[in-house]
Structures are given as C-alpha cells and as structure tokens.
C-alpha cells in the first residue's frame, strides 16, 4: 500500500510541475520582453516580441493567448504524467527481467 501512495504522490507532483513549467517559462519571456519595452533603444523589440508570443499562444488557444497557455500546460502535464508512469513501471520491473 505504501508503494501505491508514494506512486500517486509522485504522479501528482510530476503532473503539477509539468503543467506549471511552460506557464512559468512563457511568463518569464513575457516579463523580459515587457522590461525591454521600457528601454528606449529596445522598445520596438520588446513590443514586437510580446505580439509574436501572443499570436503564437492564440494559435493554440483558438484566438485567446491565455487559453493557449492553459492548453500547452495541459499537454505538458499529460506528457509528464505518462513519463512518470513509464519510469515507475520500468524501474519496478527491471529486476524481474534478469
């Protein structure tokens, strides 16, 4: 029973971290570009970068960049979920094959 509870905790943490990682990276890029928008020589680069990232996210979110971040986060969460399951069973049954 302890193995199952450890597995479920690991699965939950992996899924949450996998969901949050792309949102944090995208937020970091947008924050950097926002700061660049206030620097006189780099204002155009910052504004164009924000528009480009917003357009990219709008593709995944049916026109809404926020939905795009959620969709990318969910996709990463599913991949992290399956990767954790694969690792759990691969290492659990590794000794049985020899």
PDB file of N, CA and C in Angstrom:
ATOM      1  N   UNK A   1       0.819  -1.190   0.000  1.00  0.00           N
ATOM      2  CA  UNK A   1       0.000   0.000   0.000  1.00  0.00           C
ATOM      3  C   UNK A   1       0.870   1.264   0.000  1.00  0.00           C
ATOM      4  N   UNK A   2       2.026   1.186   0.637  1.00  0.00           N
ATOM      5  CA  UNK A   2       2.910   2.341   0.702  1.00  0.00           C
ATOM      6  C   UNK A   2       3.462   2.672  -0.679  1.00  0.00           C
ATOM      7  N   UNK A   3       3.715   1.647  -1.492  1.00  0.00           N
ATOM      8  CA  UNK A   3       4.241   1.884  -2.833  1.00  0.00           C
ATOM      9  C   UNK A   3       3.212   2.629  -3.680  1.00  0.00           C
ATOM     10  N   UNK A   4       1.957   2.255  -3.534  1.00  0.00           N
ATOM     11  CA  UNK A   4       0.900   2.901  -4.313  1.00  0.00           C
ATOM     12  C   UNK A   4       0.729   4.365  -3.890  1.00  0.00           C
ATOM     13  N   UNK A   5       0.765   4.626  -2.592  1.00  0.00           N
ATOM     14  CA  UNK A   5       0.615   6.019  -2.146  1.00  0.00           C
ATOM     15  C   UNK A   5       1.812   6.862  -2.577  1.00  0.00           C
ATOM     16  N   UNK A   6       3.022   6.300  -2.518  1.00  0.00           N
ATOM     17  CA  UNK A   6       4.205   7.029  -2.999  1.00  0.00           C
ATOM     18  C   UNK A   6       4.100   7.291  -4.499  1.00  0.00           C
ATOM     19  N   UNK A   7       3.583   6.297  -5.221  1.00  0.00           N
ATOM     20  CA  UNK A   7       3.420   6.456  -6.663  1.00  0.00           C
ATOM     21  C   UNK A   7       2.411   7.557  -6.981  1.00  0.00           C
ATOM     22  N   UNK A   8       1.303   7.598  -6.270  1.00  0.00           N
ATOM     23  CA  UNK A   8       0.284   8.615  -6.523  1.00  0.00           C
ATOM     24  C   UNK A   8       0.785  10.021  -6.181  1.00  0.00           C
ATOM     25  N   UNK A   9       1.539  10.137  -5.103  1.00  0.00           N
ATOM     26  CA  UNK A   9       2.125  11.438  -4.752  1.00  0.00           C
ATOM     27  C   UNK A   9       3.107  11.878  -5.827  1.00  0.00           C
ATOM     28  N   UNK A  10       3.945  10.946  -6.270  1.00  0.00           N
ATOM     29  CA  UNK A  10       4.901  11.257  -7.333  1.00  0.00           C
ATOM     30  C   UNK A  10       4.187  11.644  -8.619  1.00  0.00           C
ATOM     31  N   UNK A  11       3.128  10.938  -8.922  1.00  0.00           N
ATOM     32  CA  UNK A  11       2.354  11.230 -10.131  1.00  0.00           C
ATOM     33  C   UNK A  11       1.708  12.611 -10.056  1.00  0.00           C
ATOM     34  N   UNK A  12       1.167  12.951  -8.912  1.00  0.00           N
ATOM     35  CA  UNK A  12       0.527  14.251  -8.731  1.00  0.00           C
ATOM     36  C   UNK A  12       1.551  15.392  -8.830  1.00  0.00           C
ATOM     37  N   UNK A  13       2.680  15.229  -8.157  1.00  0.00           N
ATOM     38  CA  UNK A  13       3.710  16.274  -8.202  1.00  0.00           C
ATOM     39  C   UNK A  13       4.277  16.444  -9.605  1.00  0.00           C
ATOM     40  N   UNK A  14       4.498  15.343 -10.296  1.00  0.00           N
ATOM     41  CA  UNK A  14       5.021  15.426 -11.659  1.00  0.00           C
ATOM     42  C   UNK A  14       4.040  16.131 -12.577  1.00  0.00           C
ATOM     43  N   UNK A  15       2.764  15.825 -12.427  1.00  0.00           N
ATOM     44  CA  UNK A  15       1.746  16.444 -13.270  1.00  0.00           C
ATOM     45  C   UNK A  15       1.641  17.945 -12.988  1.00  0.00           C
ATOM     46  N   UNK A  16       1.669  18.329 -11.724  1.00  0.00           N
ATOM     47  CA  UNK A  16       1.576  19.749 -11.373  1.00  0.00           C
ATOM     48  C   UNK A  16       2.797  20.522 -11.861  1.00  0.00           C
ATOM     49  N   UNK A  17       3.967  19.970 -11.672  1.00  0.00           N
ATOM     50  CA  UNK A  17       5.192  20.647 -12.116  1.00  0.00           C
ATOM     51  C   UNK A  17       5.237  20.718 -13.634  1.00  0.00           C
ATOM     52  N   UNK A  18       4.804  19.650 -14.301  1.00  0.00           N
ATOM     53  CA  UNK A  18       4.792  19.658 -15.768  1.00  0.00           C
ATOM     54  C   UNK A  18       3.787  20.663 -16.313  1.00  0.00           C
ATOM     55  N   UNK A  19       2.705  20.899 -15.592  1.00  0.00           N
ATOM     56  CA  UNK A  19       1.735  21.911 -16.014  1.00  0.00           C
ATOM     57  C   UNK A  19       2.288  23.315 -15.789  1.00  0.00           C
ATOM     58  N   UNK A  20       2.946  23.527 -14.679  1.00  0.00           N
ATOM     59  CA  UNK A  20       3.403  24.870 -14.317  1.00  0.00           C
ATOM     60  C   UNK A  20       4.645  25.310 -15.091  1.00  0.00           C
ATOM     61  N   UNK A  21       5.470  24.371 -15.518  1.00  0.00           N
ATOM     62  CA  UNK A  21       6.733  24.731 -16.169  1.00  0.00           C
ATOM     63  C   UNK A  21       6.540  25.570 -17.432  1.00  0.00           C
ATOM     64  N   UNK A  22       5.699  25.170 -18.390  1.00  0.00           N
ATOM     65  CA  UNK A  22       5.578  26.027 -19.582  1.00  0.00           C
ATOM     66  C   UNK A  22       4.939  27.383 -19.276  1.00  0.00           C
ATOM     67  N   UNK A  23       4.023  27.412 -18.325  1.00  0.00           N
ATOM     68  CA  UNK A  23       3.404  28.692 -17.957  1.00  0.00           C
ATOM     69  C   UNK A  23       4.451  29.628 -17.350  1.00  0.00           C
ATOM     70  N   UNK A  24       5.330  29.107 -16.525  1.00  0.00           N
ATOM     71  CA  UNK A  24       6.372  29.931 -15.930  1.00  0.00           C
ATOM     72  C   UNK A  24       7.388  30.406 -16.962  1.00  0.00           C
ATOM     73  N   UNK A  25       7.748  29.532 -17.896  1.00  0.00           N
ATOM     74  CA  UNK A  25       8.713  29.919 -18.933  1.00  0.00           C
ATOM     75  C   UNK A  25       8.118  30.993 -19.842  1.00  0.00           C
ATOM     76  N   UNK A  26       6.869  30.811 -20.245  1.00  0.00           N
ATOM     77  CA  UNK A  26       6.217  31.809 -21.089  1.00  0.00           C
ATOM     78  C   UNK A  26       6.069  33.133 -20.319  1.00  0.00           C
ATOM     79  N   UNK A  27       5.698  33.057 -19.052  1.00  0.00           N
ATOM     80  CA  UNK A  27       5.602  34.261 -18.232  1.00  0.00           C
ATOM     81  C   UNK A  27       6.935  34.962 -18.075  1.00  0.00           C
ATOM     82  N   UNK A  28       8.004  34.180 -17.944  1.00  0.00           N
ATOM     83  CA  UNK A  28       9.340  34.761 -17.835  1.00  0.00           C
ATOM     84  C   UNK A  28       9.715  35.488 -19.120  1.00  0.00           C
ATOM     85  N   UNK A  29       9.460  34.862 -20.279  1.00  0.00           N
ATOM     86  CA  UNK A  29       9.753  35.517 -21.554  1.00  0.00           C
ATOM     87  C   UNK A  29       8.942  36.797 -21.724  1.00  0.00           C
ATOM     88  N   UNK A  30       7.663  36.738 -21.378  1.00  0.00           N
ATOM     89  CA  UNK A  30       6.830  37.936 -21.498  1.00  0.00           C
ATOM     90  C   UNK A  30       7.290  39.032 -20.543  1.00  0.00           C
ATOM     91  N   UNK A  31       7.724  38.653 -19.350  1.00  0.00           N
ATOM     92  CA  UNK A  31       8.239  39.632 -18.399  1.00  0.00           C
ATOM     93  C   UNK A  31       9.514  40.297 -18.894  1.00  0.00           C
ATOM     94  N   UNK A  32      10.403  39.506 -19.462  1.00  0.00           N
ATOM     95  CA  UNK A  32      11.648  40.064 -20.015  1.00  0.00           C
ATOM     96  C   UNK A  32      11.339  41.015 -21.167  1.00  0.00           C
ATOM     97  N   UNK A  33      10.417  40.602 -22.039  1.00  0.00           N
ATOM     98  CA  UNK A  33      10.062  41.463 -23.163  1.00  0.00           C
ATOM     99  C   UNK A  33       9.347  42.729 -22.698  1.00  0.00           C
ATOM    100  N   UNK A  34       8.573  42.619 -21.631  1.00  0.00           N
ATOM    101  CA  UNK A  34       7.909  43.797 -21.078  1.00  0.00           C
ATOM    102  C   UNK A  34       8.939  44.793 -20.546  1.00  0.00           C
ATOM    103  N   UNK A  35       9.949  44.294 -19.861  1.00  0.00           N
ATOM    104  CA  UNK A  35      11.012  45.170 -19.355  1.00  0.00           C
ATOM    105  C   UNK A  35      11.786  45.782 -20.527  1.00  0.00           C
ATOM    106  N   UNK A  36      12.034  44.980 -21.580  1.00  0.00           N
ATOM    107  CA  UNK A  36      12.721  45.520 -22.752  1.00  0.00           C
ATOM    108  C   UNK A  36      11.907  46.624 -23.417  1.00  0.00           C
ATOM    109  N   UNK A  37      10.598  46.559 -23.286  1.00  0.00           N
ATOM    110  CA  UNK A  37       9.742  47.591 -23.865  1.00  0.00           C
ATOM    111  C   UNK A  37       9.919  48.953 -23.234  1.00  0.00           C
ATOM    112  N   UNK A  38      10.470  49.007 -22.041  1.00  0.00           N
ATOM    113  CA  UNK A  38      10.688  50.288 -21.364  1.00  0.00           C
ATOM    114  C   UNK A  38      12.086  50.859 -21.605  1.00  0.00           C
ATOM    115  N   UNK A  39      12.956  50.097 -22.220  1.00  0.00           N
ATOM    116  CA  UNK A  39      14.301  50.589 -22.546  1.00  0.00           C
ATOM    117  C   UNK A  39      14.213  51.298 -23.895  1.00  0.00           C
ATOM    118  N   UNK A  40      14.660  52.545 -23.967  1.00  0.00           N
ATOM    119  CA  UNK A  40      14.430  53.343 -25.176  1.00  0.00           C
ATOM    120  C   UNK A  40      14.907  52.700 -26.476  1.00  0.00           C
ATOM    121  N   UNK A  41      16.069  52.128 -26.520  1.00  0.00           N
ATOM    122  CA  UNK A  41      16.569  51.554 -27.772  1.00  0.00           C
ATOM    123  C   UNK A  41      15.961  50.209 -28.108  1.00  0.00           C
ATOM    124  N   UNK A  42      15.376  49.547 -27.123  1.00  0.00           N
ATOM    125  CA  UNK A  42      14.856  48.199 -27.327  1.00  0.00           C
ATOM    126  C   UNK A  42      13.343  48.104 -27.215  1.00  0.00           C
ATOM    127  N   UNK A  43      12.676  49.240 -27.203  1.00  0.00           N
ATOM    128  CA  UNK A  43      11.227  49.257 -27.025  1.00  0.00           C
ATOM    129  C   UNK A  43      10.516  48.523 -28.155  1.00  0.00           C
ATOM    130  N   UNK A  44      10.963  48.724 -29.377  1.00  0.00           N
ATOM    131  CA  UNK A  44      10.328  48.065 -30.519  1.00  0.00           C
ATOM    132  C   UNK A  44      10.506  46.553 -30.445  1.00  0.00           C
ATOM    133  N   UNK A  45      11.694  46.114 -30.045  1.00  0.00           N
ATOM    134  CA  UNK A  45      11.946  44.676 -29.902  1.00  0.00           C
ATOM    135  C   UNK A  45      11.035  44.062 -28.846  1.00  0.00           C
ATOM    136  N   UNK A  46      10.873  44.736 -27.739  1.00  0.00           N
ATOM    137  CA  UNK A  46      10.011  44.226 -26.677  1.00  0.00           C
ATOM    138  C   UNK A  46       8.558  44.140 -27.091  1.00  0.00           C
ATOM    139  N   UNK A  47       8.066  45.176 -27.739  1.00  0.00           N
ATOM    140  CA  UNK A  47       6.657  45.195 -28.157  1.00  0.00           C
ATOM    141  C   UNK A  47       6.384  44.172 -29.257  1.00  0.00           C
ATOM    142  N   UNK A  48       7.298  44.075 -30.209  1.00  0.00           N
ATOM    143  CA  UNK A  48       7.124  43.080 -31.278  1.00  0.00           C
ATOM    144  C   UNK A  48       7.206  41.653 -30.726  1.00  0.00           C
ATOM    145  N   UNK A  49       8.092  41.439 -29.770  1.00  0.00           N
ATOM    146  CA  UNK A  49       8.215  40.118 -29.162  1.00  0.00           C
ATOM    147  C   UNK A  49       6.960  39.705 -28.413  1.00  0.00           C
ATOM    148  N   UNK A  50       6.362  40.644 -27.706  1.00  0.00           N
ATOM    149  CA  UNK A  50       5.120  40.347 -26.983  1.00  0.00           C
ATOM    150  C   UNK A  50       4.005  40.010 -27.959  1.00  0.00           C
ATOM    151  N   UNK A  51       3.929  40.752 -29.054  1.00  0.00           N
ATOM    152  CA  UNK A  51       2.900  40.473 -30.065  1.00  0.00           C
ATOM    153  C   UNK A  51       3.121  39.100 -30.685  1.00  0.00           C
ATOM    154  N   UNK A  52       4.370  38.761 -30.972  1.00  0.00           N
ATOM    155  CA  UNK A  52       4.662  37.466 -31.582  1.00  0.00           C
ATOM    156  C   UNK A  52       4.311  36.308 -30.649  1.00  0.00           C
ATOM    157  N   UNK A  53       4.667  36.432 -29.381  1.00  0.00           N
ATOM    158  CA  UNK A  53       4.346  35.374 -28.423  1.00  0.00           C
ATOM    159  C   UNK A  53       2.839  35.284 -28.222  1.00  0.00           C
ATOM    160  N   UNK A  54       2.157  36.406 -28.174  1.00  0.00           N
ATOM    161  CA  UNK A  54       0.698  36.395 -28.035  1.00  0.00           C
ATOM    162  C   UNK A  54       0.033  35.741 -29.246  1.00  0.00           C
ATOM    163  N   UNK A  55       0.543  36.028 -30.435  1.00  0.00           N
ATOM    164  CA  UNK A  55      -0.001  35.388 -31.640  1.00  0.00           C
ATOM    165  C   UNK A  55       0.255  33.886 -31.631  1.00  0.00           C
ATOM    166  N   UNK A  56       1.438  33.479 -31.191  1.00  0.00           N
ATOM    167  CA  UNK A  56       1.761  32.052 -31.097  1.00  0.00           C
ATOM    168  C   UNK A  56       0.827  31.344 -30.120  1.00  0.00           C
ATOM    169  N   UNK A  57       0.597  31.948 -28.972  1.00  0.00           N
ATOM    170  CA  UNK A  57      -0.299  31.347 -27.978  1.00  0.00           C
ATOM    171  C   UNK A  57      -1.750  31.356 -28.445  1.00  0.00           C
ATOM    172  N   UNK A  58      -2.133  32.356 -29.233  1.00  0.00           N
ATOM    173  CA  UNK A  58      -3.501  32.434 -29.741  1.00  0.00           C
ATOM    174  C   UNK A  58      -3.801  31.286 -30.702  1.00  0.00           C
ATOM    175  N   UNK A  59      -2.779  30.775 -31.372  1.00  0.00           N
ATOM    176  CA  UNK A  59      -2.979  29.631 -32.265  1.00  0.00           C
ATOM    177  C   UNK A  59      -3.443  28.417 -31.469  1.00  0.00           C
ATOM    178  N   UNK A  60      -2.843  28.182 -30.324  1.00  0.00           N
ATOM    179  CA  UNK A  60      -3.205  27.024 -29.511  1.00  0.00           C
ATOM    180  C   UNK A  60      -4.484  27.256 -28.720  1.00  0.00           C
ATOM    181  N   UNK A  61      -4.835  28.502 -28.478  1.00  0.00           N
ATOM    182  CA  UNK A  61      -5.996  28.805 -27.651  1.00  0.00           C
ATOM    183  C   UNK A  61      -7.204  29.279 -28.411  1.00  0.00           C
ATOM    184  N   UNK A  62      -7.312  28.972 -29.692  1.00  0.00           N
ATOM    185  CA  UNK A  62      -8.454  29.369 -30.519  1.00  0.00           C
ATOM    186  C   UNK A  62      -8.677  30.883 -30.485  1.00  0.00           C
ATOM    187  N   UNK A  63      -7.589  31.628 -30.551  1.00  0.00           N
ATOM    188  CA  UNK A  63      -7.688  33.075 -30.589  1.00  0.00           C
ATOM    189  C   UNK A  63      -7.429  33.764 -29.267  1.00  0.00           C
ATOM    190  N   UNK A  64      -7.346  33.021 -28.185  1.00  0.00           N
ATOM    191  CA  UNK A  64      -7.123  33.607 -26.865  1.00  0.00           C
ATOM    192  C   UNK A  64      -5.757  33.137 -26.335  1.00  0.00           C
ATOM    193  N   UNK A  65      -4.808  34.053 -26.115  1.00  0.00           N
ATOM    194  CA  UNK A  65      -3.478  33.647 -25.650  1.00  0.00           C
ATOM    195  C   UNK A  65      -3.496  32.951 -24.285  1.00  0.00           C
ATOM    196  N   UNK A  66      -4.393  33.373 -23.387  1.00  0.00           N
ATOM    197  CA  UNK A  66      -4.455  32.730 -22.069  1.00  0.00           C
ATOM    198  C   UNK A  66      -4.870  31.268 -22.196  1.00  0.00           C
ATOM    199  N   UNK A  67      -5.832  30.997 -23.070  1.00  0.00           N
ATOM    200  CA  UNK A  67      -6.228  29.605 -23.307  1.00  0.00           C
ATOM    201  C   UNK A  67      -5.082  28.811 -23.930  1.00  0.00           C
ATOM    202  N   UNK A  68      -4.272  29.479 -24.744  1.00  0.00           N
ATOM    203  CA  UNK A  68      -3.106  28.823 -25.328  1.00  0.00           C
ATOM    204  C   UNK A  68      -2.120  28.367 -24.271  1.00  0.00           C
ATOM    205  N   UNK A  69      -1.908  29.208 -23.256  1.00  0.00           N
ATOM    206  CA  UNK A  69      -1.015  28.822 -22.147  1.00  0.00           C
ATOM    207  C   UNK A  69      -1.595  27.617 -21.402  1.00  0.00           C
ATOM    208  N   UNK A  70      -2.903  27.622 -21.186  1.00  0.00           N
ATOM    209  CA  UNK A  70      -3.554  26.511 -20.484  1.00  0.00           C
ATOM    210  C   UNK A  70      -3.444  25.222 -21.308  1.00  0.00           C
ATOM    211  N   UNK A  71      -3.677  25.307 -22.615  1.00  0.00           N
ATOM    212  CA  UNK A  71      -3.595  24.132 -23.473  1.00  0.00           C
ATOM    213  C   UNK A  71      -2.176  23.574 -23.508  1.00  0.00           C
ATOM    214  N   UNK A  72      -1.192  24.442 -23.633  1.00  0.00           N
ATOM    215  CA  UNK A  72       0.199  23.970 -23.609  1.00  0.00           C
ATOM    216  C   UNK A  72       0.542  23.354 -22.259  1.00  0.00           C
ATOM    217  N   UNK A  73       0.058  23.957 -21.176  1.00  0.00           N
ATOM    218  CA  UNK A  73       0.291  23.389 -19.849  1.00  0.00           C
ATOM    219  C   UNK A  73      -0.353  22.026 -19.697  1.00  0.00           C
ATOM    220  N   UNK A  74      -1.563  21.864 -20.200  1.00  0.00           N
ATOM    221  CA  UNK A  74      -2.228  20.565 -20.130  1.00  0.00           C
ATOM    222  C   UNK A  74      -1.505  19.516 -20.964  1.00  0.00           C
ATOM    223  N   UNK A  75      -1.023  19.910 -22.135  1.00  0.00           N
ATOM    224  CA  UNK A  75      -0.277  18.965 -22.968  1.00  0.00           C
ATOM    225  C   UNK A  75       1.008  18.520 -22.264  1.00  0.00           C
ATOM    226  N   UNK A  76       1.713  19.453 -21.671  1.00  0.00           N
ATOM    227  CA  UNK A  76       2.927  19.101 -20.933  1.00  0.00           C
ATOM    228  C   UNK A  76       2.594  18.242 -19.714  1.00  0.00           C
ATOM    229  N   UNK A  77       1.477  18.515 -19.063  1.00  0.00           N
ATOM    230  CA  UNK A  77       1.071  17.731 -17.891  1.00  0.00           C
ATOM    231  C   UNK A  77       0.768  16.291 -18.274  1.00  0.00           C
ATOM    232  N   UNK A  78       0.107  16.092 -19.397  1.00  0.00           N
ATOM    233  CA  UNK A  78      -0.186  14.722 -19.852  1.00  0.00           C
ATOM    234  C   UNK A  78       1.100  13.981 -20.182  1.00  0.00           C
ATOM    235  N   UNK A  79       2.024  14.652 -20.842  1.00  0.00           N
ATOM    236  CA  UNK A  79       3.307  14.020 -21.169  1.00  0.00           C
ATOM    237  C   UNK A  79       4.072  13.677 -19.894  1.00  0.00           C
ATOM    238  N   UNK A  80       4.095  14.583 -18.935  1.00  0.00           N
ATOM    239  CA  UNK A  80       4.767  14.301 -17.656  1.00  0.00           C
ATOM    240  C   UNK A  80       4.105  13.164 -16.906  1.00  0.00           C
ATOM    241  N   UNK A  81       2.779  13.094 -16.948  1.00  0.00           N
ATOM    242  CA  UNK A  81       2.012  12.022 -16.316  1.00  0.00           C
ATOM    243  C   UNK A  81       2.422  10.661 -16.885  1.00  0.00           C
ATOM    244  N   UNK A  82       2.408  10.560 -18.209  1.00  0.00           N
ATOM    245  CA  UNK A  82       2.761   9.284 -18.841  1.00  0.00           C
ATOM    246  C   UNK A  82       4.235   8.948 -18.647  1.00  0.00           C
ATOM    247  N   UNK A  83       5.088   9.948 -18.643  1.00  0.00           N
ATOM    248  CA  UNK A  83       6.514   9.703 -18.425  1.00  0.00           C
ATOM    249  C   UNK A  83       6.760   9.161 -17.019  1.00  0.00           C
ATOM    250  N   UNK A  84       6.050   9.686 -16.036  1.00  0.00           N
ATOM    251  CA  UNK A  84       6.201   9.194 -14.670  1.00  0.00           C
ATOM    252  C   UNK A  84       5.692   7.760 -14.544  1.00  0.00           C
ATOM    253  N   UNK A  85       4.587   7.450 -15.192  1.00  0.00           N
ATOM    254  CA  UNK A  85       4.080   6.070 -15.174  1.00  0.00           C
ATOM    255  C   UNK A  85       5.093   5.133 -15.827  1.00  0.00           C
ATOM    256  N   UNK A  86       5.639   5.535 -16.957  1.00  0.00           N
ATOM    257  CA  UNK A  86       6.633   4.707 -17.644  1.00  0.00           C
ATOM    258  C   UNK A  86       7.840   4.464 -16.752  1.00  0.00           C
ATOM    259  N   UNK A  87       8.352   5.503 -16.121  1.00  0.00           N
ATOM    260  CA  UNK A  87       9.521   5.338 -15.252  1.00  0.00           C
ATOM    261  C   UNK A  87       9.221   4.442 -14.057  1.00  0.00           C
ATOM    262  N   UNK A  88       8.046   4.587 -13.483  1.00  0.00           N
ATOM    263  CA  UNK A  88       7.695   3.778 -12.326  1.00  0.00           C
ATOM    264  C   UNK A  88       7.697   2.292 -12.682  1.00  0.00           C
ATOM    265  N   UNK A  89       7.021   1.935 -13.760  1.00  0.00           N
ATOM    266  CA  UNK A  89       6.936   0.525 -14.121  1.00  0.00           C
ATOM    267  C   UNK A  89       8.236   0.005 -14.699  1.00  0.00           C
ATOM    268  N   UNK A  90       8.983   0.840 -15.390  1.00  0.00           N
ATOM    269  CA  UNK A  90      10.262   0.403 -15.944  1.00  0.00           C
ATOM    270  C   UNK A  90      11.234   0.040 -14.823  1.00  0.00           C
ATOM    271  N   UNK A  91      11.355   0.881 -13.815  1.00  0.00           N
ATOM    272  CA  UNK A  91      12.287   0.613 -12.734  1.00  0.00           C
ATOM    273  C   UNK A  91      11.756  -0.422 -11.752  1.00  0.00           C
ATOM    274  N   UNK A  92      10.452  -0.546 -11.634  1.00  0.00           N
ATOM    275  CA  UNK A  92       9.880  -1.542 -10.729  1.00  0.00           C
ATOM    276  C   UNK A  92      10.107  -2.952 -11.251  1.00  0.00           C
ATOM    277  N   UNK A  93       9.953  -3.167 -12.546  1.00  0.00           N
ATOM    278  CA  UNK A  93      10.071  -4.495 -13.130  1.00  0.00           C
ATOM    279  C   UNK A  93      11.417  -4.733 -13.800  1.00  0.00           C
ATOM    280  N   UNK A  94      12.358  -3.868 -13.565  1.00  0.00           N
ATOM    281  CA  UNK A  94      13.678  -4.033 -14.176  1.00  0.00           C
ATOM    282  C   UNK A  94      14.386  -5.260 -13.615  1.00  0.00           C
ATOM    283  N   UNK A  95      14.250  -5.519 -12.334  1.00  0.00           N
ATOM    284  CA  UNK A  95      14.904  -6.671 -11.723  1.00  0.00           C
ATOM    285  C   UNK A  95      14.252  -7.993 -12.089  1.00  0.00           C
ATOM    286  N   UNK A  96      13.015  -7.981 -12.522  1.00  0.00           N
ATOM    287  CA  UNK A  96      12.321  -9.223 -12.883  1.00  0.00           C
ATOM    288  C   UNK A  96      12.734  -9.762 -14.240  1.00  0.00           C
ATOM    289  N   UNK A  97      13.326  -8.940 -15.063  1.00  0.00           N
ATOM    290  CA  UNK A  97      13.692  -9.392 -16.411  1.00  0.00           C
ATOM    291  C   UNK A  97      14.986 -10.179 -16.432  1.00  0.00           C
ATOM    292  N   UNK A  98      15.815 -10.048 -15.434  1.00  0.00           N
ATOM    293  CA  UNK A  98      17.115 -10.749 -15.465  1.00  0.00           C
ATOM    294  C   UNK A  98      17.041 -12.108 -14.837  1.00  0.00           C
TER     295      UNK A  98
END
